[in-house]
């Protein structure tokens, strides 16, 4: 009987981790205004509202995961973006232009 309980527990844990993995892949996008693009530093300065990770509204420079993102951005542009929770939300991992 203890073996069955352990198997049930493991099956439950495997199911519990699947939604969390999917949630991180579908990170919520936040609205922002591009204030500055600095290709030499690999950063973009964004003015944004409160973020899903608990960061309050502010204007700050973020690193970008892929420097190619900087080529599509310019000051004054409205975007939606996601950050990497693994580094405390300090790196932009996804950008969508708002039209």
N, C-alpha and C. Protein backbone atom coordinates (compact mmCIF):
# COMPACT_ATOMS: atom_id res chain seq x y z
N UNK A 1 0.80 -1.21 0.00
CA UNK A 1 0.00 0.00 0.00
C UNK A 1 0.85 1.28 0.00
N UNK A 2 1.94 1.38 0.75
CA UNK A 2 2.75 2.59 0.72
C UNK A 2 3.30 2.91 -0.67
N UNK A 3 3.58 1.88 -1.46
CA UNK A 3 4.09 2.11 -2.81
C UNK A 3 3.04 2.81 -3.65
N UNK A 4 1.80 2.41 -3.54
CA UNK A 4 0.73 3.07 -4.29
C UNK A 4 0.58 4.53 -3.88
N UNK A 5 0.67 4.79 -2.61
CA UNK A 5 0.55 6.17 -2.14
C UNK A 5 1.68 7.02 -2.72
N UNK A 6 2.88 6.47 -2.76
CA UNK A 6 3.99 7.21 -3.31
C UNK A 6 3.79 7.45 -4.80
N UNK A 7 3.32 6.46 -5.50
CA UNK A 7 3.09 6.62 -6.94
C UNK A 7 2.02 7.69 -7.19
N UNK A 8 0.96 7.68 -6.40
CA UNK A 8 -0.08 8.69 -6.56
C UNK A 8 0.48 10.07 -6.29
N UNK A 9 1.31 10.20 -5.26
CA UNK A 9 1.89 11.48 -4.90
C UNK A 9 2.78 12.00 -6.03
N UNK A 10 3.61 11.13 -6.58
CA UNK A 10 4.48 11.54 -7.67
C UNK A 10 3.69 11.96 -8.90
N UNK A 11 2.63 11.24 -9.20
CA UNK A 11 1.80 11.59 -10.35
C UNK A 11 1.16 12.96 -10.12
N UNK A 12 0.72 13.21 -8.90
CA UNK A 12 0.12 14.50 -8.56
C UNK A 12 1.14 15.63 -8.73
N UNK A 13 2.37 15.41 -8.25
CA UNK A 13 3.41 16.44 -8.35
C UNK A 13 3.76 16.72 -9.81
N UNK A 14 3.81 15.70 -10.64
CA UNK A 14 4.12 15.90 -12.06
C UNK A 14 3.05 16.77 -12.72
N UNK A 15 1.79 16.53 -12.37
CA UNK A 15 0.70 17.33 -12.93
C UNK A 15 0.75 18.75 -12.41
N UNK A 16 1.12 18.93 -11.16
CA UNK A 16 1.13 20.26 -10.55
C UNK A 16 2.20 21.15 -11.18
N UNK A 17 3.29 20.57 -11.67
CA UNK A 17 4.34 21.40 -12.24
C UNK A 17 4.07 21.80 -13.68
N UNK A 18 3.24 21.10 -14.38
CA UNK A 18 2.98 21.43 -15.78
C UNK A 18 2.34 22.81 -15.96
N UNK A 19 1.30 23.18 -15.21
CA UNK A 19 0.73 24.51 -15.41
C UNK A 19 1.71 25.63 -15.10
N UNK A 20 2.59 25.46 -14.12
CA UNK A 20 3.56 26.49 -13.78
C UNK A 20 4.52 26.71 -14.94
N UNK A 21 4.97 25.63 -15.57
CA UNK A 21 5.87 25.76 -16.71
C UNK A 21 5.17 26.48 -17.85
N UNK A 22 3.92 26.16 -18.10
CA UNK A 22 3.17 26.82 -19.16
C UNK A 22 2.96 28.30 -18.82
N UNK A 23 2.69 28.62 -17.56
CA UNK A 23 2.47 30.00 -17.16
C UNK A 23 3.71 30.85 -17.43
N UNK A 24 4.90 30.32 -17.16
CA UNK A 24 6.10 31.10 -17.42
C UNK A 24 6.33 31.30 -18.91
N UNK A 25 5.95 30.32 -19.72
CA UNK A 25 6.09 30.45 -21.17
C UNK A 25 5.12 31.49 -21.71
N UNK A 26 3.98 31.65 -21.07
CA UNK A 26 2.97 32.61 -21.49
C UNK A 26 3.02 33.86 -20.60
N UNK A 27 4.22 34.37 -20.37
CA UNK A 27 4.39 35.51 -19.47
C UNK A 27 3.48 36.66 -19.89
N UNK A 28 2.90 37.32 -18.90
CA UNK A 28 2.02 38.46 -19.16
C UNK A 28 2.81 39.62 -19.74
N UNK A 29 2.24 40.26 -20.71
CA UNK A 29 2.87 41.43 -21.31
C UNK A 29 2.37 42.68 -20.61
N UNK A 30 3.26 43.65 -20.45
CA UNK A 30 2.93 44.91 -19.80
C UNK A 30 3.12 46.05 -20.79
N UNK A 31 2.33 47.10 -20.63
CA UNK A 31 2.43 48.27 -21.49
C UNK A 31 3.58 49.15 -21.05
N UNK A 32 4.25 49.77 -22.03
CA UNK A 32 5.35 50.67 -21.72
C UNK A 32 5.54 51.68 -22.85
N UNK A 33 6.26 52.74 -22.53
CA UNK A 33 6.66 53.74 -23.50
C UNK A 33 8.18 53.71 -23.56
N UNK A 34 8.73 53.56 -24.77
CA UNK A 34 10.18 53.55 -24.93
C UNK A 34 10.69 54.98 -24.76
N UNK A 35 11.60 55.16 -23.83
CA UNK A 35 12.18 56.48 -23.57
C UNK A 35 13.53 56.63 -24.26
N UNK A 36 14.31 55.52 -24.31
CA UNK A 36 15.65 55.58 -24.89
C UNK A 36 16.09 54.19 -25.30
N UNK A 37 16.82 54.10 -26.41
CA UNK A 37 17.42 52.85 -26.87
C UNK A 37 18.92 53.08 -26.90
N UNK A 38 19.67 52.23 -26.20
CA UNK A 38 21.13 52.36 -26.16
C UNK A 38 21.73 51.05 -26.68
N UNK A 39 22.02 51.03 -27.98
CA UNK A 39 22.55 49.82 -28.60
C UNK A 39 23.94 49.47 -28.07
N UNK A 40 24.75 50.48 -27.73
CA UNK A 40 26.10 50.19 -27.25
C UNK A 40 26.08 49.48 -25.90
N UNK A 41 25.09 49.77 -25.07
CA UNK A 41 24.96 49.11 -23.75
C UNK A 41 24.03 47.90 -23.80
N UNK A 42 23.26 47.77 -24.90
CA UNK A 42 22.30 46.68 -25.00
C UNK A 42 21.13 46.85 -24.07
N UNK A 43 20.68 48.12 -23.92
CA UNK A 43 19.57 48.41 -23.01
C UNK A 43 18.49 49.24 -23.69
N UNK A 44 17.31 49.18 -23.10
CA UNK A 44 16.19 50.02 -23.50
C UNK A 44 15.60 50.61 -22.22
N UNK A 45 15.38 51.92 -22.23
CA UNK A 45 14.77 52.59 -21.07
C UNK A 45 13.28 52.67 -21.33
N UNK A 46 12.51 52.13 -20.37
CA UNK A 46 11.06 52.05 -20.49
C UNK A 46 10.37 52.76 -19.34
N UNK A 47 9.28 53.45 -19.65
CA UNK A 47 8.37 53.99 -18.64
C UNK A 47 7.18 53.04 -18.64
N UNK A 48 6.92 52.41 -17.51
CA UNK A 48 5.87 51.39 -17.45
C UNK A 48 5.05 51.51 -16.18
N UNK A 49 3.89 50.88 -16.22
CA UNK A 49 3.04 50.78 -15.04
C UNK A 49 3.52 49.63 -14.16
N UNK A 50 2.70 49.26 -13.19
CA UNK A 50 3.04 48.14 -12.30
C UNK A 50 3.16 46.85 -13.12
N UNK A 51 4.17 46.05 -12.79
CA UNK A 51 4.41 44.80 -13.52
C UNK A 51 3.88 43.61 -12.75
N UNK A 52 3.59 42.51 -13.44
CA UNK A 52 3.06 41.32 -12.77
C UNK A 52 3.97 40.76 -11.68
N UNK A 53 5.28 41.04 -11.76
CA UNK A 53 6.21 40.53 -10.74
C UNK A 53 6.22 41.39 -9.48
N UNK A 54 5.37 42.42 -9.43
CA UNK A 54 5.27 43.26 -8.25
C UNK A 54 6.06 44.56 -8.34
N UNK A 55 6.81 44.75 -9.42
CA UNK A 55 7.57 45.99 -9.58
C UNK A 55 6.59 47.15 -9.76
N UNK A 56 6.78 48.24 -9.01
CA UNK A 56 5.86 49.37 -9.13
C UNK A 56 6.11 50.15 -10.43
N UNK A 57 5.19 51.05 -10.78
CA UNK A 57 5.39 51.88 -11.97
C UNK A 57 6.69 52.69 -11.85
N UNK A 58 7.44 52.77 -12.94
CA UNK A 58 8.69 53.53 -12.94
C UNK A 58 9.24 53.66 -14.34
N UNK A 59 10.31 54.42 -14.45
CA UNK A 59 11.09 54.50 -15.68
C UNK A 59 12.47 53.97 -15.35
N UNK A 60 12.91 52.95 -16.11
CA UNK A 60 14.24 52.39 -15.86
C UNK A 60 14.79 51.73 -17.11
N UNK A 61 16.11 51.53 -17.12
CA UNK A 61 16.78 50.86 -18.23
C UNK A 61 16.79 49.35 -17.97
N UNK A 62 16.45 48.60 -18.99
CA UNK A 62 16.45 47.13 -18.92
C UNK A 62 17.45 46.58 -19.93
N UNK A 63 18.12 45.51 -19.58
CA UNK A 63 18.90 44.75 -20.56
C UNK A 63 17.89 44.05 -21.46
N UNK A 64 18.33 43.68 -22.67
CA UNK A 64 17.48 42.90 -23.56
C UNK A 64 18.13 41.55 -23.80
N UNK A 65 17.30 40.53 -23.87
CA UNK A 65 17.81 39.17 -24.06
C UNK A 65 18.49 39.03 -25.41
N UNK A 66 17.92 39.66 -26.43
CA UNK A 66 18.44 39.58 -27.79
C UNK A 66 18.65 41.00 -28.31
N UNK A 67 19.90 41.36 -28.61
CA UNK A 67 20.21 42.72 -29.05
C UNK A 67 19.45 43.11 -30.31
N UNK A 68 19.01 42.13 -31.09
CA UNK A 68 18.24 42.43 -32.30
C UNK A 68 16.94 43.15 -31.98
N UNK A 69 16.42 42.97 -30.77
CA UNK A 69 15.19 43.68 -30.35
C UNK A 69 15.37 45.19 -30.44
N UNK A 70 16.58 45.65 -30.14
CA UNK A 70 16.82 47.09 -30.10
C UNK A 70 16.66 47.74 -31.47
N UNK A 71 16.87 46.98 -32.54
CA UNK A 71 16.74 47.51 -33.88
C UNK A 71 15.32 47.89 -34.27
N UNK A 72 14.34 47.31 -33.58
CA UNK A 72 12.95 47.62 -33.91
C UNK A 72 12.34 48.67 -32.98
N UNK A 73 13.13 49.16 -32.03
CA UNK A 73 12.60 50.10 -31.05
C UNK A 73 13.17 51.50 -31.26
N UNK A 74 12.34 52.50 -30.92
CA UNK A 74 12.80 53.89 -30.94
C UNK A 74 12.05 54.68 -29.88
N UNK A 75 12.67 55.75 -29.41
CA UNK A 75 12.08 56.59 -28.38
C UNK A 75 10.71 57.08 -28.83
N UNK A 76 9.74 57.07 -27.91
CA UNK A 76 8.39 57.53 -28.18
C UNK A 76 7.43 56.44 -28.59
N UNK A 77 7.95 55.24 -28.83
CA UNK A 77 7.13 54.12 -29.26
C UNK A 77 6.42 53.46 -28.09
N UNK A 78 5.17 53.06 -28.31
CA UNK A 78 4.43 52.30 -27.31
C UNK A 78 4.64 50.82 -27.60
N UNK A 79 4.93 50.06 -26.55
CA UNK A 79 5.17 48.62 -26.71
C UNK A 79 4.47 47.86 -25.60
N UNK A 80 4.46 46.54 -25.76
CA UNK A 80 4.09 45.61 -24.71
C UNK A 80 5.31 44.71 -24.55
N UNK A 81 5.67 44.41 -23.30
CA UNK A 81 6.90 43.65 -23.08
C UNK A 81 6.76 42.67 -21.92
N UNK A 82 7.67 41.69 -21.92
CA UNK A 82 7.76 40.73 -20.83
C UNK A 82 9.21 40.68 -20.37
N UNK A 83 9.40 40.37 -19.10
CA UNK A 83 10.74 40.26 -18.55
C UNK A 83 11.00 38.85 -18.04
N UNK A 84 12.26 38.56 -17.79
CA UNK A 84 12.69 37.25 -17.31
C UNK A 84 12.58 37.21 -15.79
N UNK A 85 11.68 36.40 -15.24
CA UNK A 85 11.56 36.34 -13.78
C UNK A 85 12.79 35.74 -13.11
N UNK A 86 13.61 35.01 -13.84
CA UNK A 86 14.80 34.37 -13.25
C UNK A 86 15.82 35.40 -12.77
N UNK A 87 15.85 36.58 -13.37
CA UNK A 87 16.81 37.60 -12.92
C UNK A 87 16.11 38.78 -12.26
N UNK A 88 14.96 38.51 -11.68
CA UNK A 88 14.22 39.56 -10.98
C UNK A 88 13.51 40.52 -11.91
N UNK A 89 13.32 40.13 -13.17
CA UNK A 89 12.61 40.99 -14.11
C UNK A 89 13.46 42.11 -14.68
N UNK A 90 14.77 41.92 -14.70
CA UNK A 90 15.67 42.98 -15.16
C UNK A 90 16.06 42.85 -16.64
N UNK A 91 15.60 41.79 -17.30
CA UNK A 91 15.92 41.57 -18.72
C UNK A 91 14.63 41.42 -19.52
N UNK A 92 14.50 42.21 -20.57
CA UNK A 92 13.34 42.11 -21.46
C UNK A 92 13.55 40.89 -22.36
N UNK A 93 12.55 40.01 -22.38
CA UNK A 93 12.65 38.79 -23.16
C UNK A 93 11.73 38.80 -24.38
N UNK A 94 10.72 39.67 -24.36
CA UNK A 94 9.76 39.72 -25.46
C UNK A 94 9.26 41.15 -25.63
N UNK A 95 9.10 41.56 -26.88
CA UNK A 95 8.60 42.89 -27.19
C UNK A 95 7.58 42.77 -28.31
N UNK A 96 6.46 43.46 -28.13
CA UNK A 96 5.46 43.60 -29.20
C UNK A 96 5.20 45.08 -29.40
N UNK A 97 5.25 45.52 -30.64
CA UNK A 97 4.95 46.91 -30.95
C UNK A 97 3.45 47.13 -30.88
N UNK A 98 3.03 48.26 -30.31
CA UNK A 98 1.60 48.61 -30.24
C UNK A 98 1.33 49.52 -31.43
N UNK A 99 0.34 49.16 -32.20
CA UNK A 99 0.03 49.93 -33.41
C UNK A 99 -1.19 50.78 -33.19
